[in-house]
PDB file of N, CA and C in Angstrom:
ATOM      1  N   MET A   1     111.419 120.554  90.404  1.00  0.00           N
ATOM      2  CA  MET A   1     111.308 119.592  91.481  1.00  0.00           C
ATOM      3  C   MET A   1     111.231 118.191  90.865  1.00  0.00           C
ATOM      4  N   ASP A   2     111.946 117.258  91.490  1.00  0.00           N
ATOM      5  CA  ASP A   2     111.980 115.877  91.002  1.00  0.00           C
ATOM      6  C   ASP A   2     111.582 114.938  92.140  1.00  0.00           C
ATOM      7  N   ILE A   3     110.282 114.641  92.255  1.00  0.00           N
ATOM      8  CA  ILE A   3     109.808 113.747  93.307  1.00  0.00           C
ATOM      9  C   ILE A   3     110.115 112.318  92.897  1.00  0.00           C
ATOM     10  N   LYS A   4     110.790 111.583  93.776  1.00  0.00           N
ATOM     11  CA  LYS A   4     111.248 110.246  93.452  1.00  0.00           C
ATOM     12  C   LYS A   4     110.330 109.144  93.970  1.00  0.00           C
ATOM     13  N   SER A   5     109.669 109.374  95.097  1.00  0.00           N
ATOM     14  CA  SER A   5     108.801 108.350  95.673  1.00  0.00           C
ATOM     15  C   SER A   5     108.029 108.953  96.837  1.00  0.00           C
ATOM     16  N   ILE A   6     107.126 108.166  97.401  1.00  0.00           N
ATOM     17  CA  ILE A   6     106.461 108.562  98.636  1.00  0.00           C
ATOM     18  C   ILE A   6     107.408 108.200  99.776  1.00  0.00           C
ATOM     19  N   HIS A   7     107.663 109.130 100.666  1.00  0.00           N
ATOM     20  CA  HIS A   7     108.594 108.885 101.767  1.00  0.00           C
ATOM     21  C   HIS A   7     107.937 108.088 102.884  1.00  0.00           C
ATOM     22  N   HIS A   8     106.728 108.490 103.281  1.00  0.00           N
ATOM     23  CA  HIS A   8     106.017 107.777 104.340  1.00  0.00           C
ATOM     24  C   HIS A   8     104.538 108.136 104.308  1.00  0.00           C
ATOM     25  N   VAL A   9     103.749 107.372 105.013  1.00  0.00           N
ATOM     26  CA  VAL A   9     102.341 107.658 105.250  1.00  0.00           C
ATOM     27  C   VAL A   9     102.194 107.819 106.761  1.00  0.00           C
ATOM     28  N   ALA A  10     101.546 108.878 107.208  1.00  0.00           N
ATOM     29  CA  ALA A  10     101.365 109.130 108.638  1.00  0.00           C
ATOM     30  C   ALA A  10      99.926 108.796 109.035  1.00  0.00           C
ATOM     31  N   ILE A  11      99.794 108.072 110.136  1.00  0.00           N
ATOM     32  CA  ILE A  11      98.487 107.677 110.653  1.00  0.00           C
ATOM     33  C   ILE A  11      98.410 108.098 112.115  1.00  0.00           C
ATOM     34  N   ILE A  12      97.314 108.752 112.487  1.00  0.00           N
ATOM     35  CA  ILE A  12      97.069 109.107 113.887  1.00  0.00           C
ATOM     36  C   ILE A  12      96.049 108.127 114.438  1.00  0.00           C
ATOM     37  N   CYS A  13      96.378 107.499 115.560  1.00  0.00           N
ATOM     38  CA  CYS A  13      95.487 106.490 116.144  1.00  0.00           C
ATOM     39  C   CYS A  13      94.907 106.992 117.462  1.00  0.00           C
ATOM     40  N   SER A  14      93.836 106.326 117.912  1.00  0.00           N
ATOM     41  CA  SER A  14      93.218 106.715 119.184  1.00  0.00           C
ATOM     42  C   SER A  14      93.688 105.845 120.343  1.00  0.00           C
ATOM     43  N   ASP A  15      94.113 104.617 120.049  1.00  0.00           N
ATOM     44  CA  ASP A  15      94.579 103.684 121.080  1.00  0.00           C
ATOM     45  C   ASP A  15      95.935 103.150 120.620  1.00  0.00           C
ATOM     46  N   TYR A  16      96.989 103.777 121.097  1.00  0.00           N
ATOM     47  CA  TYR A  16      98.334 103.456 120.616  1.00  0.00           C
ATOM     48  C   TYR A  16      98.697 101.991 120.825  1.00  0.00           C
ATOM     49  N   THR A  17      98.393 101.451 121.994  1.00  0.00           N
ATOM     50  CA  THR A  17      98.763 100.061 122.280  1.00  0.00           C
ATOM     51  C   THR A  17      98.096  99.108 121.302  1.00  0.00           C
ATOM     52  N   TRP A  18      96.801  99.282 121.070  1.00  0.00           N
ATOM     53  CA  TRP A  18      96.080  98.389 120.155  1.00  0.00           C
ATOM     54  C   TRP A  18      96.539  98.590 118.718  1.00  0.00           C
ATOM     55  N   SER A  19      96.713  99.837 118.287  1.00  0.00           N
ATOM     56  CA  SER A  19      97.157 100.095 116.919  1.00  0.00           C
ATOM     57  C   SER A  19      98.568  99.573 116.684  1.00  0.00           C
ATOM     58  N   LYS A  20      99.443  99.733 117.669  1.00  0.00           N
ATOM     59  CA  LYS A  20     100.797  99.204 117.546  1.00  0.00           C
ATOM     60  C   LYS A  20     100.735  97.691 117.364  1.00  0.00           C
ATOM     61  N   ARG A  21      99.923  97.006 118.154  1.00  0.00           N
ATOM     62  CA  ARG A  21      99.769  95.551 118.020  1.00  0.00           C
ATOM     63  C   ARG A  21      99.224  95.201 116.636  1.00  0.00           C
ATOM     64  N   PHE A  22      98.206  95.917 116.168  1.00  0.00           N
ATOM     65  CA  PHE A  22      97.592  95.652 114.868  1.00  0.00           C
ATOM     66  C   PHE A  22      98.626  95.742 113.743  1.00  0.00           C
ATOM     67  N   TYR A  23      99.383  96.840 113.717  1.00  0.00           N
ATOM     68  CA  TYR A  23     100.327  97.058 112.621  1.00  0.00           C
ATOM     69  C   TYR A  23     101.584  96.195 112.729  1.00  0.00           C
ATOM     70  N   THR A  24     102.025  95.877 113.944  1.00  0.00           N
ATOM     71  CA  THR A  24     103.251  95.078 114.082  1.00  0.00           C
ATOM     72  C   THR A  24     102.987  93.583 114.155  1.00  0.00           C
ATOM     73  N   GLU A  25     101.984  93.168 114.927  1.00  0.00           N
ATOM     74  CA  GLU A  25     101.739  91.738 115.113  1.00  0.00           C
ATOM     75  C   GLU A  25     100.801  91.154 114.060  1.00  0.00           C
ATOM     76  N   ILE A  26      99.726  91.852 113.732  1.00  0.00           N
ATOM     77  CA  ILE A  26      98.767  91.309 112.765  1.00  0.00           C
ATOM     78  C   ILE A  26      99.251  91.555 111.335  1.00  0.00           C
ATOM     79  N   LEU A  27      99.601  92.804 111.004  1.00  0.00           N
ATOM     80  CA  LEU A  27     100.079  93.082 109.653  1.00  0.00           C
ATOM     81  C   LEU A  27     101.564  92.765 109.483  1.00  0.00           C
ATOM     82  N   GLY A  28     102.289  92.640 110.578  1.00  0.00           N
ATOM     83  CA  GLY A  28     103.673  92.179 110.527  1.00  0.00           C
ATOM     84  C   GLY A  28     104.716  93.197 110.112  1.00  0.00           C
ATOM     85  N   PHE A  29     104.442  94.480 110.293  1.00  0.00           N
ATOM     86  CA  PHE A  29     105.425  95.494 109.917  1.00  0.00           C
ATOM     87  C   PHE A  29     106.486  95.623 111.004  1.00  0.00           C
ATOM     88  N   PRO A  30     107.764  95.507 110.650  1.00  0.00           N
ATOM     89  CA  PRO A  30     108.835  95.662 111.642  1.00  0.00           C
ATOM     90  C   PRO A  30     108.957  97.108 112.133  1.00  0.00           C
ATOM     91  N   VAL A  31     109.316  97.244 113.401  1.00  0.00           N
ATOM     92  CA  VAL A  31     109.523  98.563 113.993  1.00  0.00           C
ATOM     93  C   VAL A  31     110.918  99.058 113.626  1.00  0.00           C
ATOM     94  N   LEU A  32     110.974 100.245 113.038  1.00  0.00           N
ATOM     95  CA  LEU A  32     112.253 100.891 112.747  1.00  0.00           C
ATOM     96  C   LEU A  32     112.715 101.706 113.953  1.00  0.00           C
ATOM     97  N   GLN A  33     111.747 102.425 114.557  1.00  0.00           N
ATOM     98  CA  GLN A  33     112.069 103.269 115.708  1.00  0.00           C
ATOM     99  C   GLN A  33     110.777 103.633 116.421  1.00  0.00           C
ATOM    100  N   GLU A  34     110.853 103.710 117.744  1.00  0.00           N
ATOM    101  CA  GLU A  34     109.723 104.161 118.545  1.00  0.00           C
ATOM    102  C   GLU A  34     110.201 105.312 119.420  1.00  0.00           C
ATOM    103  N   THR A  35     109.472 106.423 119.389  1.00  0.00           N
ATOM    104  CA  THR A  35     109.867 107.618 120.117  1.00  0.00           C
ATOM    105  C   THR A  35     108.687 108.133 120.922  1.00  0.00           C
ATOM    106  N   TYR A  36     108.916 108.440 122.201  1.00  0.00           N
ATOM    107  CA  TYR A  36     107.898 109.113 123.003  1.00  0.00           C
ATOM    108  C   TYR A  36     108.281 110.580 123.099  1.00  0.00           C
ATOM    109  N   ARG A  37     107.358 111.453 122.732  1.00  0.00           N
ATOM    110  CA  ARG A  37     107.597 112.899 122.779  1.00  0.00           C
ATOM    111  C   ARG A  37     106.792 113.478 123.933  1.00  0.00           C
ATOM    112  N   ALA A  38     107.441 113.633 125.072  1.00  0.00           N
ATOM    113  CA  ALA A  38     106.769 114.051 126.310  1.00  0.00           C
ATOM    114  C   ALA A  38     106.069 115.397 126.166  1.00  0.00           C
ATOM    115  N   GLU A  39     106.666 116.330 125.450  1.00  0.00           N
ATOM    116  CA  GLU A  39     106.080 117.664 125.310  1.00  0.00           C
ATOM    117  C   GLU A  39     104.734 117.633 124.591  1.00  0.00           C
ATOM    118  N   ARG A  40     104.479 116.572 123.812  1.00  0.00           N
ATOM    119  CA  ARG A  40     103.203 116.440 123.088  1.00  0.00           C
ATOM    120  C   ARG A  40     102.366 115.282 123.621  1.00  0.00           C
ATOM    121  N   ASP A  41     102.893 114.574 124.641  1.00  0.00           N
ATOM    122  CA  ASP A  41     102.248 113.374 125.158  1.00  0.00           C
ATOM    123  C   ASP A  41     101.883 112.456 123.996  1.00  0.00           C
ATOM    124  N   SER A  42     102.888 112.192 123.160  1.00  0.00           N
ATOM    125  CA  SER A  42     102.658 111.520 121.883  1.00  0.00           C
ATOM    126  C   SER A  42     103.750 110.503 121.583  1.00  0.00           C
ATOM    127  N   TYR A  43     103.318 109.346 121.097  1.00  0.00           N
ATOM    128  CA  TYR A  43     104.263 108.363 120.561  1.00  0.00           C
ATOM    129  C   TYR A  43     104.333 108.523 119.054  1.00  0.00           C
ATOM    130  N   LYS A  44     105.509 108.210 118.513  1.00  0.00           N
ATOM    131  CA  LYS A  44     105.709 108.120 117.066  1.00  0.00           C
ATOM    132  C   LYS A  44     106.405 106.792 116.821  1.00  0.00           C
ATOM    133  N   LEU A  45     105.751 105.930 116.052  1.00  0.00           N
ATOM    134  CA  LEU A  45     106.280 104.611 115.753  1.00  0.00           C
ATOM    135  C   LEU A  45     106.535 104.529 114.258  1.00  0.00           C
ATOM    136  N   ASP A  46     107.800 104.332 113.875  1.00  0.00           N
ATOM    137  CA  ASP A  46     108.162 104.183 112.471  1.00  0.00           C
ATOM    138  C   ASP A  46     108.160 102.703 112.128  1.00  0.00           C
ATOM    139  N   LEU A  47     107.379 102.342 111.113  1.00  0.00           N
ATOM    140  CA  LEU A  47     107.216 100.952 110.707  1.00  0.00           C
ATOM    141  C   LEU A  47     107.702 100.761 109.280  1.00  0.00           C
ATOM    142  N   LYS A  48     108.402  99.666 109.051  1.00  0.00           N
ATOM    143  CA  LYS A  48     108.906  99.363 107.714  1.00  0.00           C
ATOM    144  C   LYS A  48     107.857  98.562 106.954  1.00  0.00           C
ATOM    145  N   VAL A  49     107.556  99.023 105.737  1.00  0.00           N
ATOM    146  CA  VAL A  49     106.603  98.342 104.863  1.00  0.00           C
ATOM    147  C   VAL A  49     107.341  97.977 103.582  1.00  0.00           C
ATOM    148  N   GLY A  50     107.528  96.688 103.349  1.00  0.00           N
ATOM    149  CA  GLY A  50     108.253  96.273 102.151  1.00  0.00           C
ATOM    150  C   GLY A  50     109.715  96.647 102.232  1.00  0.00           C
ATOM    151  N   ASP A  51     110.311  96.905 101.079  1.00  0.00           N
ATOM    152  CA  ASP A  51     111.749  97.185 101.013  1.00  0.00           C
ATOM    153  C   ASP A  51     112.118  98.631 101.313  1.00  0.00           C
ATOM    154  N   ARG A  52     111.199  99.577 101.037  1.00  0.00           N
ATOM    155  CA  ARG A  52     111.611 100.978 101.167  1.00  0.00           C
ATOM    156  C   ARG A  52     110.546 101.906 101.704  1.00  0.00           C
ATOM    157  N   ASP A  53     109.360 101.397 102.007  1.00  0.00           N
ATOM    158  CA  ASP A  53     108.268 102.261 102.434  1.00  0.00           C
ATOM    159  C   ASP A  53     108.167 102.309 103.959  1.00  0.00           C
ATOM    160  N   CYS A  54     107.471 103.333 104.458  1.00  0.00           N
ATOM    161  CA  CYS A  54     107.384 103.545 105.894  1.00  0.00           C
ATOM    162  C   CYS A  54     106.013 104.099 106.274  1.00  0.00           C
ATOM    163  N   ILE A  55     105.493 103.604 107.383  1.00  0.00           N
ATOM    164  CA  ILE A  55     104.303 104.189 108.009  1.00  0.00           C
ATOM    165  C   ILE A  55     104.758 104.808 109.323  1.00  0.00           C
ATOM    166  N   GLU A  56     104.323 106.048 109.561  1.00  0.00           N
ATOM    167  CA  GLU A  56     104.539 106.689 110.848  1.00  0.00           C
ATOM    168  C   GLU A  56     103.220 106.606 111.607  1.00  0.00           C
ATOM    169  N   LEU A  57     103.211 105.896 112.720  1.00  0.00           N
ATOM    170  CA  LEU A  57     102.011 105.759 113.547  1.00  0.00           C
ATOM    171  C   LEU A  57     102.148 106.711 114.731  1.00  0.00           C
ATOM    172  N   PHE A  58     101.203 107.645 114.855  1.00  0.00           N
ATOM    173  CA  PHE A  58     101.235 108.651 115.915  1.00  0.00           C
ATOM    174  C   PHE A  58     100.093 108.439 116.896  1.00  0.00           C
ATOM    175  N   SER A  59     100.334 108.806 118.152  1.00  0.00           N
ATOM    176  CA  SER A  59      99.264 108.920 119.141  1.00  0.00           C
ATOM    177  C   SER A  59      99.263 110.360 119.621  1.00  0.00           C
ATOM    178  N   PHE A  60      98.081 110.913 119.771  1.00  0.00           N
ATOM    179  CA  PHE A  60      97.909 112.246 120.346  1.00  0.00           C
ATOM    180  C   PHE A  60      96.731 112.170 121.306  1.00  0.00           C
ATOM    181  N   PRO A  61      96.721 112.974 122.354  1.00  0.00           N
ATOM    182  CA  PRO A  61      95.570 112.983 123.258  1.00  0.00           C
ATOM    183  C   PRO A  61      94.310 113.462 122.518  1.00  0.00           C
ATOM    184  N   ASN A  62      93.249 112.688 122.579  1.00  0.00           N
ATOM    185  CA  ASN A  62      91.929 113.060 122.054  1.00  0.00           C
ATOM    186  C   ASN A  62      91.913 113.537 120.599  1.00  0.00           C
ATOM    187  N   PRO A  63      92.416 112.763 119.656  1.00  0.00           N
ATOM    188  CA  PRO A  63      92.337 113.197 118.260  1.00  0.00           C
ATOM    189  C   PRO A  63      90.885 113.155 117.769  1.00  0.00           C
ATOM    190  N   PRO A  64      90.485 114.062 116.888  1.00  0.00           N
ATOM    191  CA  PRO A  64      89.116 114.033 116.374  1.00  0.00           C
ATOM    192  C   PRO A  64      88.896 112.809 115.487  1.00  0.00           C
ATOM    193  N   GLU A  65      87.648 112.357 115.413  1.00  0.00           N
ATOM    194  CA  GLU A  65      87.313 111.217 114.573  1.00  0.00           C
ATOM    195  C   GLU A  65      87.329 111.598 113.105  1.00  0.00           C
ATOM    196  N   ARG A  66      87.500 110.589 112.250  1.00  0.00           N
ATOM    197  CA  ARG A  66      87.398 110.763 110.807  1.00  0.00           C
ATOM    198  C   ARG A  66      85.929 111.060 110.482  1.00  0.00           C
ATOM    199  N   PRO A  67      85.650 112.033 109.587  1.00  0.00           N
ATOM    200  CA  PRO A  67      84.269 112.429 109.328  1.00  0.00           C
ATOM    201  C   PRO A  67      83.386 111.322 108.753  1.00  0.00           C
ATOM    202  N   SER A  68      83.895 110.540 107.847  1.00  0.00           N
ATOM    203  CA  SER A  68      83.147 109.427 107.272  1.00  0.00           C
ATOM    204  C   SER A  68      84.133 108.513 106.565  1.00  0.00           C
ATOM    205  N   ARG A  69      83.666 107.417 106.055  1.00  0.00           N
ATOM    206  CA  ARG A  69      84.584 106.512 105.406  1.00  0.00           C
ATOM    207  C   ARG A  69      84.031 106.005 104.112  1.00  0.00           C
ATOM    208  N   PRO A  70      84.720 105.565 103.137  1.00  0.00           N
ATOM    209  CA  PRO A  70      86.010 106.146 102.765  1.00  0.00           C
ATOM    210  C   PRO A  70      85.848 107.304 101.798  1.00  0.00           C
ATOM    211  N   GLU A  71      84.625 107.813 101.675  1.00  0.00           N
ATOM    212  CA  GLU A  71      84.377 108.837 100.664  1.00  0.00           C
ATOM    213  C   GLU A  71      84.568 110.272 101.159  1.00  0.00           C
ATOM    214  N   ALA A  72      85.119 110.451 102.363  1.00  0.00           N
ATOM    215  CA  ALA A  72      85.391 111.799 102.858  1.00  0.00           C
ATOM    216  C   ALA A  72      86.537 112.417 102.071  1.00  0.00           C
ATOM    217  N   ARG A  73      86.559 113.724 102.016  1.00  0.00           N
ATOM    218  CA  ARG A  73      87.658 114.416 101.354  1.00  0.00           C
ATOM    219  C   ARG A  73      88.962 114.057 102.036  1.00  0.00           C
ATOM    220  N   GLY A  74      90.024 113.940 101.289  1.00  0.00           N
ATOM    221  CA  GLY A  74      91.314 113.557 101.852  1.00  0.00           C
ATOM    222  C   GLY A  74      91.707 112.171 101.366  1.00  0.00           C
ATOM    223  N   MET A  75      92.608 111.541 102.075  1.00  0.00           N
ATOM    224  CA  MET A  75      93.062 110.222 101.654  1.00  0.00           C
ATOM    225  C   MET A  75      91.892 109.243 101.692  1.00  0.00           C
ATOM    226  N   ARG A  76      91.687 108.533 100.611  1.00  0.00           N
ATOM    227  CA  ARG A  76      90.568 107.592 100.537  1.00  0.00           C
ATOM    228  C   ARG A  76      90.887 106.297 101.252  1.00  0.00           C
ATOM    229  N   HIS A  77      92.046 105.726 100.971  1.00  0.00           N
ATOM    230  CA  HIS A  77      92.475 104.510 101.655  1.00  0.00           C
ATOM    231  C   HIS A  77      93.963 104.303 101.415  1.00  0.00           C
ATOM    232  N   LEU A  78      94.544 103.394 102.183  1.00  0.00           N
ATOM    233  CA  LEU A  78      95.939 103.006 102.051  1.00  0.00           C
ATOM    234  C   LEU A  78      95.934 101.569 101.547  1.00  0.00           C
ATOM    235  N   SER A  79      96.665 101.310 100.473  1.00  0.00           N
ATOM    236  CA  SER A  79      96.637  99.995  99.840  1.00  0.00           C
ATOM    237  C   SER A  79      97.995  99.312  99.956  1.00  0.00           C
ATOM    238  N   PHE A  80      97.962  98.007 100.280  1.00  0.00           N
ATOM    239  CA  PHE A  80      99.167  97.197 100.401  1.00  0.00           C
ATOM    240  C   PHE A  80      99.170  96.136  99.308  1.00  0.00           C
ATOM    241  N   ALA A  81     100.281  95.987  98.618  1.00  0.00           N
ATOM    242  CA  ALA A  81     100.422  94.978  97.573  1.00  0.00           C
ATOM    243  C   ALA A  81     100.682  93.614  98.209  1.00  0.00           C
ATOM    244  N   VAL A  82      99.958  92.596  97.732  1.00  0.00           N
ATOM    245  CA  VAL A  82     100.157  91.219  98.180  1.00  0.00           C
ATOM    246  C   VAL A  82     100.187  90.307  96.958  1.00  0.00           C
ATOM    247  N   ASP A  83     100.808  89.151  97.128  1.00  0.00           N
ATOM    248  CA  ASP A  83     100.851  88.189  96.023  1.00  0.00           C
ATOM    249  C   ASP A  83      99.543  87.433  95.874  1.00  0.00           C
ATOM    250  N   ASP A  84      98.841  87.179  96.987  1.00  0.00           N
ATOM    251  CA  ASP A  84      97.642  86.347  96.978  1.00  0.00           C
ATOM    252  C   ASP A  84      96.594  86.960  97.908  1.00  0.00           C
ATOM    253  N   VAL A  85      95.611  87.625  97.327  1.00  0.00           N
ATOM    254  CA  VAL A  85      94.575  88.278  98.126  1.00  0.00           C
ATOM    255  C   VAL A  85      93.790  87.269  98.953  1.00  0.00           C
ATOM    256  N   GLU A  86      93.442  86.145  98.355  1.00  0.00           N
ATOM    257  CA  GLU A  86      92.647  85.137  99.074  1.00  0.00           C
ATOM    258  C   GLU A  86      93.379  84.666 100.333  1.00  0.00           C
ATOM    259  N   ALA A  87      94.679  84.401 100.222  1.00  0.00           N
ATOM    260  CA  ALA A  87      95.469  83.964 101.377  1.00  0.00           C
ATOM    261  C   ALA A  87      95.565  85.082 102.414  1.00  0.00           C
ATOM    262  N   ALA A  88      95.728  86.318 101.960  1.00  0.00           N
ATOM    263  CA  ALA A  88      95.806  87.453 102.882  1.00  0.00           C
ATOM    264  C   ALA A  88      94.482  87.640 103.619  1.00  0.00           C
ATOM    265  N   VAL A  89      93.365  87.501 102.917  1.00  0.00           N
ATOM    266  CA  VAL A  89      92.043  87.615 103.543  1.00  0.00           C
ATOM    267  C   VAL A  89      91.878  86.529 104.597  1.00  0.00           C
ATOM    268  N   GLU A  90      92.239  85.315 104.252  1.00  0.00           N
ATOM    269  CA  GLU A  90      92.129  84.200 105.200  1.00  0.00           C
ATOM    270  C   GLU A  90      92.946  84.480 106.461  1.00  0.00           C
ATOM    271  N   TYR A  91      94.170  84.966 106.289  1.00  0.00           N
ATOM    272  CA  TYR A  91      95.021  85.296 107.431  1.00  0.00           C
ATOM    273  C   TYR A  91      94.380  86.375 108.297  1.00  0.00           C
ATOM    274  N   LEU A  92      93.919  87.453 107.676  1.00  0.00           N
ATOM    275  CA  LEU A  92      93.316  88.554 108.438  1.00  0.00           C
ATOM    276  C   LEU A  92      92.096  88.080 109.224  1.00  0.00           C
ATOM    277  N   ILE A  93      91.263  87.271 108.603  1.00  0.00           N
ATOM    278  CA  ILE A  93      90.080  86.746 109.294  1.00  0.00           C
ATOM    279  C   ILE A  93      90.497  85.882 110.482  1.00  0.00           C
ATOM    280  N   GLU A  94      91.535  85.054 110.306  1.00  0.00           N
ATOM    281  CA  GLU A  94      92.051  84.238 111.412  1.00  0.00           C
ATOM    282  C   GLU A  94      92.525  85.112 112.575  1.00  0.00           C
ATOM    283  N   GLN A  95      92.968  86.335 112.281  1.00  0.00           N
ATOM    284  CA  GLN A  95      93.440  87.272 113.305  1.00  0.00           C
ATOM    285  C   GLN A  95      92.304  88.085 113.913  1.00  0.00           C
ATOM    286  N   GLY A  96      91.074  87.825 113.488  1.00  0.00           N
ATOM    287  CA  GLY A  96      89.923  88.533 114.028  1.00  0.00           C
ATOM    288  C   GLY A  96      89.617  89.849 113.340  1.00  0.00           C
ATOM    289  N   VAL A  97      90.190  90.064 112.162  1.00  0.00           N
ATOM    290  CA  VAL A  97      89.964  91.300 111.419  1.00  0.00           C
ATOM    291  C   VAL A  97      88.792  91.080 110.456  1.00  0.00           C
ATOM    292  N   ASP A  98      87.819  91.976 110.472  1.00  0.00           N
ATOM    293  CA  ASP A  98      86.713  91.917 109.518  1.00  0.00           C
ATOM    294  C   ASP A  98      87.216  92.387 108.159  1.00  0.00           C
ATOM    295  N   VAL A  99      86.943  91.595 107.139  1.00  0.00           N
ATOM    296  CA  VAL A  99      87.383  91.917 105.782  1.00  0.00           C
ATOM    297  C   VAL A  99      86.164  91.899 104.871  1.00  0.00           C
ATOM    298  N   GLU A 100      86.052  92.908 104.031  1.00  0.00           N
ATOM    299  CA  GLU A 100      84.964  92.940 103.061  1.00  0.00           C
ATOM    300  C   GLU A 100      85.196  91.860 102.008  1.00  0.00           C
ATOM    301  N   PRO A 101      84.160  91.467 101.275  1.00  0.00           N
ATOM    302  CA  PRO A 101      84.328  90.448 100.242  1.00  0.00           C
ATOM    303  C   PRO A 101      85.369  90.851  99.193  1.00  0.00           C
ATOM    304  N   VAL A 102      86.070  89.859  98.682  1.00  0.00           N
ATOM    305  CA  VAL A 102      87.064  90.087  97.622  1.00  0.00           C
ATOM    306  C   VAL A 102      86.338  90.551  96.364  1.00  0.00           C
ATOM    307  N   ARG A 103      86.907  91.563  95.728  1.00  0.00           N
ATOM    308  CA  ARG A 103      86.358  92.079  94.467  1.00  0.00           C
ATOM    309  C   ARG A 103      87.440  92.027  93.400  1.00  0.00           C
ATOM    310  N   THR A 104      87.055  92.264  92.172  1.00  0.00           N
ATOM    311  CA  THR A 104      88.001  92.319  91.068  1.00  0.00           C
ATOM    312  C   THR A 104      87.956  93.701  90.442  1.00  0.00           C
ATOM    313  N   ASP A 105      89.123  94.322  90.303  1.00  0.00           N
ATOM    314  CA  ASP A 105      89.245  95.632  89.675  1.00  0.00           C
ATOM    315  C   ASP A 105      88.920  95.473  88.188  1.00  0.00           C
ATOM    316  N   LYS A 106      87.902  96.160  87.725  1.00  0.00           N
ATOM    317  CA  LYS A 106      87.463  96.014  86.331  1.00  0.00           C
ATOM    318  C   LYS A 106      88.470  96.566  85.336  1.00  0.00           C
ATOM    319  N   THR A 107      89.335  97.444  85.789  1.00  0.00           N
ATOM    320  CA  THR A 107      90.341  98.020  84.897  1.00  0.00           C
ATOM    321  C   THR A 107      91.550  97.110  84.751  1.00  0.00           C
ATOM    322  N   THR A 108      92.022  96.539  85.874  1.00  0.00           N
ATOM    323  CA  THR A 108      93.249  95.736  85.848  1.00  0.00           C
ATOM    324  C   THR A 108      92.996  94.233  85.914  1.00  0.00           C
ATOM    325  N   ASN A 109      91.762  93.861  86.267  1.00  0.00           N
ATOM    326  CA  ASN A 109      91.391  92.456  86.457  1.00  0.00           C
ATOM    327  C   ASN A 109      92.129  91.823  87.631  1.00  0.00           C
ATOM    328  N   ARG A 110      92.578  92.635  88.597  1.00  0.00           N
ATOM    329  CA  ARG A 110      93.276  92.158  89.801  1.00  0.00           C
ATOM    330  C   ARG A 110      92.306  92.109  90.971  1.00  0.00           C
ATOM    331  N   LYS A 111      92.528  91.160  91.879  1.00  0.00           N
ATOM    332  CA  LYS A 111      91.690  91.018  93.066  1.00  0.00           C
ATOM    333  C   LYS A 111      92.123  92.013  94.141  1.00  0.00           C
ATOM    334  N   PHE A 112      91.138  92.464  94.932  1.00  0.00           N
ATOM    335  CA  PHE A 112      91.422  93.340  96.058  1.00  0.00           C
ATOM    336  C   PHE A 112      90.331  93.171  97.105  1.00  0.00           C
ATOM    337  N   ALA A 113      90.640  93.607  98.323  1.00  0.00           N
ATOM    338  CA  ALA A 113      89.661  93.581  99.413  1.00  0.00           C
ATOM    339  C   ALA A 113      89.990  94.686 100.404  1.00  0.00           C
ATOM    340  N   PHE A 114      88.947  95.218 101.027  1.00  0.00           N
ATOM    341  CA  PHE A 114      89.118  96.267 102.029  1.00  0.00           C
ATOM    342  C   PHE A 114      88.936  95.704 103.433  1.00  0.00           C
ATOM    343  N   PHE A 115      89.663  96.305 104.368  1.00  0.00           N
ATOM    344  CA  PHE A 115      89.500  96.036 105.796  1.00  0.00           C
ATOM    345  C   PHE A 115      89.830  97.339 106.510  1.00  0.00           C
ATOM    346  N   PHE A 116      89.711  97.348 107.832  1.00  0.00           N
ATOM    347  CA  PHE A 116      89.890  98.601 108.558  1.00  0.00           C
ATOM    348  C   PHE A 116      90.822  98.410 109.739  1.00  0.00           C
ATOM    349  N   ASP A 117      91.609  99.441 110.028  1.00  0.00           N
ATOM    350  CA  ASP A 117      92.483  99.381 111.198  1.00  0.00           C
ATOM    351  C   ASP A 117      91.640  99.659 112.449  1.00  0.00           C
ATOM    352  N   PRO A 118      92.237  99.652 113.639  1.00  0.00           N
ATOM    353  CA  PRO A 118      91.455  99.855 114.864  1.00  0.00           C
ATOM    354  C   PRO A 118      90.688 101.180 114.919  1.00  0.00           C
ATOM    355  N   ASP A 119      91.109 102.180 114.153  1.00  0.00           N
ATOM    356  CA  ASP A 119      90.402 103.463 114.116  1.00  0.00           C
ATOM    357  C   ASP A 119      89.533 103.603 112.872  1.00  0.00           C
ATOM    358  N   GLU A 120      89.269 102.490 112.215  1.00  0.00           N
ATOM    359  CA  GLU A 120      88.452 102.415 111.014  1.00  0.00           C
ATOM    360  C   GLU A 120      89.052 103.139 109.822  1.00  0.00           C
ATOM    361  N   LEU A 121      90.381 103.279 109.803  1.00  0.00           N
ATOM    362  CA  LEU A 121      91.050 103.781 108.614  1.00  0.00           C
ATOM    363  C   LEU A 121      90.912 102.712 107.542  1.00  0.00           C
ATOM    364  N   PRO A 122      90.388 103.062 106.368  1.00  0.00           N
ATOM    365  CA  PRO A 122      90.222 102.052 105.333  1.00  0.00           C
ATOM    366  C   PRO A 122      91.567 101.616 104.749  1.00  0.00           C
ATOM    367  N   LEU A 123      91.785 100.305 104.799  1.00  0.00           N
ATOM    368  CA  LEU A 123      92.997  99.708 104.257  1.00  0.00           C
ATOM    369  C   LEU A 123      92.585  98.725 103.162  1.00  0.00           C
ATOM    370  N   GLU A 124      93.462  98.528 102.204  1.00  0.00           N
ATOM    371  CA  GLU A 124      93.180  97.636 101.085  1.00  0.00           C
ATOM    372  C   GLU A 124      94.353  96.702 100.877  1.00  0.00           C
ATOM    373  N   ILE A 125      94.052  95.463 100.529  1.00  0.00           N
ATOM    374  CA  ILE A 125      95.076  94.554 100.034  1.00  0.00           C
ATOM    375  C   ILE A 125      94.768  94.367  98.557  1.00  0.00           C
ATOM    376  N   TYR A 126      95.813  94.470  97.740  1.00  0.00           N
ATOM    377  CA  TYR A 126      95.657  94.473  96.287  1.00  0.00           C
ATOM    378  C   TYR A 126      96.625  93.477  95.698  1.00  0.00           C
ATOM    379  N   GLU A 127      96.111  92.537  94.920  1.00  0.00           N
ATOM    380  CA  GLU A 127      96.947  91.480  94.350  1.00  0.00           C
ATOM    381  C   GLU A 127      97.805  92.027  93.214  1.00  0.00           C
ATOM    382  N   THR A 128      99.099  91.748  93.290  1.00  0.00           N
ATOM    383  CA  THR A 128     100.017  92.250  92.244  1.00  0.00           C
ATOM    384  C   THR A 128     100.477  91.132  91.338  1.00  0.00           C
TER     385      THR A 128
END
């Protein structure tokens, strides 16, 4: 097997309208495709991240909550590369998003900060 890259990241949200606004208007990800699946009462929104990455945003009726954050078993967080963490933090705060204080990765000496989507999925911006 020859894995070439990550194809997509799938996120299940509790409030599709708010999450769609968060990912498209606040984070600025363009919509590739939006599909309503009547048999599942579910939306699937494909979002473009960067040049080749994709987030699939799903809605399902009454999804269970995440057990804890971010130390629960499973995906710890989703990280987005940015050129300037300080500028990204300032932008997010202007949009009403709570952002944790900027930290420096002791291994790479790069700046990063955590914030959360509308369902408290831990997201990170990481300076490249």
